[in-house]
């Protein structure tokens, strides 16, 4: 049974924010620089808030997807994935260098909470 992830959003946001605050400033800037490249946008109508703080970014871009954690973590991403915490006995993951945060209650079945630091642009190598 696939469960709605709404009850886990605040815990996910908290772990992502804690990790984001620990990133070196130059890494934050590098990842956010992708947001300025409109050619990488999933939706060309989107606009990037390049001045957004980590808190503002998370509030604006946190999304729930039907693409599972397992489907998202293709080999180039999987080898760069680290665990930054756990929620409901499942790991909260960060793809180092790509700015992707992921968590799913059932990682192989879908419904994933995610944040792309590069939003609205696709992450590097997407």
Protein backbone atom coordinates (compact mmCIF):
# COMPACT_ATOMS: atom_id res chain seq x y z
CA UNK A 1 0.00 0.00 0.00
CA UNK A 2 1.38 3.38 -1.03
CA UNK A 3 0.87 6.06 1.62
CA UNK A 4 0.56 9.82 1.16
CA UNK A 5 3.75 11.52 2.27
CA UNK A 6 2.19 14.71 3.70
CA UNK A 7 2.74 13.62 7.30
CA UNK A 8 6.49 13.41 6.63
CA UNK A 9 7.03 16.75 4.85
CA UNK A 10 8.13 18.75 7.89
CA UNK A 11 10.66 16.12 8.98
CA UNK A 12 12.03 15.99 5.43
CA UNK A 13 12.23 19.78 5.20
CA UNK A 14 14.07 19.91 8.51
CA UNK A 15 16.72 17.36 7.49
CA UNK A 16 17.22 18.96 4.08
CA UNK A 17 17.57 22.42 5.61
CA UNK A 18 20.06 21.18 8.19
CA UNK A 19 22.16 19.59 5.44
CA UNK A 20 21.87 22.59 3.11
CA UNK A 21 23.08 24.92 5.84
CA UNK A 22 26.18 22.74 6.15
CA UNK A 23 27.11 22.91 2.46
CA UNK A 24 30.08 25.10 1.63
CA UNK A 25 28.89 28.46 0.28
CA UNK A 26 30.66 27.92 -3.04
CA UNK A 27 28.76 24.62 -3.52
CA UNK A 28 25.45 26.38 -2.78
CA UNK A 29 26.36 29.04 -5.35
CA UNK A 30 27.44 26.46 -7.94
CA UNK A 31 24.19 24.53 -7.63
CA UNK A 32 22.06 27.68 -7.68
CA UNK A 33 23.92 28.88 -10.79
CA UNK A 34 22.15 26.11 -12.72
CA UNK A 35 18.88 27.85 -11.87
CA UNK A 36 20.01 30.83 -13.96
CA UNK A 37 20.35 28.67 -17.10
CA UNK A 38 16.90 28.74 -18.71
CA UNK A 39 17.96 26.15 -21.30
CA UNK A 40 17.99 23.58 -18.46
CA UNK A 41 14.46 24.35 -17.22
CA UNK A 42 11.89 21.58 -17.12
CA UNK A 43 9.24 24.25 -17.76
CA UNK A 44 10.49 27.26 -19.75
CA UNK A 45 7.76 29.38 -18.11
CA UNK A 46 9.37 28.99 -14.68
CA UNK A 47 11.35 31.75 -13.05
CA UNK A 48 14.28 31.27 -10.69
CA UNK A 49 14.55 33.18 -7.44
CA UNK A 50 18.32 33.37 -7.36
CA UNK A 51 18.24 35.36 -4.12
CA UNK A 52 16.22 32.69 -2.27
CA UNK A 53 17.59 31.52 1.05
CA UNK A 54 17.78 27.76 1.66
CA UNK A 55 14.55 28.01 3.69
CA UNK A 56 12.74 29.88 0.92
CA UNK A 57 14.00 27.48 -1.72
CA UNK A 58 12.82 24.40 0.18
CA UNK A 59 9.40 25.96 0.82
CA UNK A 60 9.06 26.80 -2.88
CA UNK A 61 10.34 23.61 -4.50
CA UNK A 62 9.60 20.68 -2.19
CA UNK A 63 7.56 18.27 -4.26
CA UNK A 64 6.03 14.84 -4.19
CA UNK A 65 6.72 12.67 -7.21
CA UNK A 66 5.50 9.31 -8.42
CA UNK A 67 9.05 8.48 -9.54
CA UNK A 68 10.49 6.21 -6.88
CA UNK A 69 13.78 6.72 -5.07
CA UNK A 70 15.08 3.57 -6.78
CA UNK A 71 14.11 4.89 -10.24
CA UNK A 72 15.71 8.28 -9.56
CA UNK A 73 19.02 6.86 -8.41
CA UNK A 74 20.42 5.84 -11.78
CA UNK A 75 24.07 4.65 -11.62
CA UNK A 76 25.74 8.10 -11.91
CA UNK A 77 23.57 9.38 -9.04
CA UNK A 78 23.64 6.21 -6.95
CA UNK A 79 27.41 6.21 -6.59
CA UNK A 80 27.31 9.81 -5.28
CA UNK A 81 24.46 9.29 -2.82
CA UNK A 82 24.89 9.78 0.91
CA UNK A 83 22.43 9.32 3.75
CA UNK A 84 21.76 12.52 5.72
CA UNK A 85 19.15 11.14 8.12
CA UNK A 86 16.15 8.85 8.44
CA UNK A 87 12.40 9.28 8.53
CA UNK A 88 10.13 6.35 9.41
CA UNK A 89 13.11 3.97 9.15
CA UNK A 90 13.86 5.04 5.56
CA UNK A 91 16.97 7.01 4.57
CA UNK A 92 16.87 10.64 3.50
CA UNK A 93 19.37 10.84 0.66
CA UNK A 94 21.49 13.54 -0.94
CA UNK A 95 23.17 13.17 -4.32
CA UNK A 96 26.49 14.93 -3.79
CA UNK A 97 27.40 17.42 -6.49
CA UNK A 98 23.94 17.27 -8.05
CA UNK A 99 21.86 18.98 -5.37
CA UNK A 100 19.16 16.30 -5.23
CA UNK A 101 17.47 15.42 -1.94
CA UNK A 102 15.16 12.37 -1.88
CA UNK A 103 13.10 10.35 0.50
CA UNK A 104 10.38 7.76 0.09
CA UNK A 105 8.41 5.72 2.58
CA UNK A 106 8.52 2.83 0.12
CA UNK A 107 11.67 3.61 -1.92
CA UNK A 108 11.07 0.97 -4.60
CA UNK A 109 7.37 1.69 -5.18
CA UNK A 110 7.08 5.40 -5.81
CA UNK A 111 5.88 8.53 -4.06
CA UNK A 112 9.02 10.43 -3.29
CA UNK A 113 9.61 13.74 -1.55
CA UNK A 114 12.33 15.69 -3.30
CA UNK A 115 14.14 19.00 -3.45
CA UNK A 116 16.37 20.06 -6.32
CA UNK A 117 18.74 22.83 -5.26
CA UNK A 118 19.06 23.67 -8.97
CA UNK A 119 15.32 24.33 -9.35
CA UNK A 120 13.80 25.26 -11.74
CA UNK A 121 16.63 23.77 -13.79
CA UNK A 122 17.33 20.08 -14.01
CA UNK A 123 20.21 18.94 -11.82
CA UNK A 124 23.58 18.30 -13.50
CA UNK A 125 23.58 15.08 -15.55
CA UNK A 126 19.78 14.76 -15.40
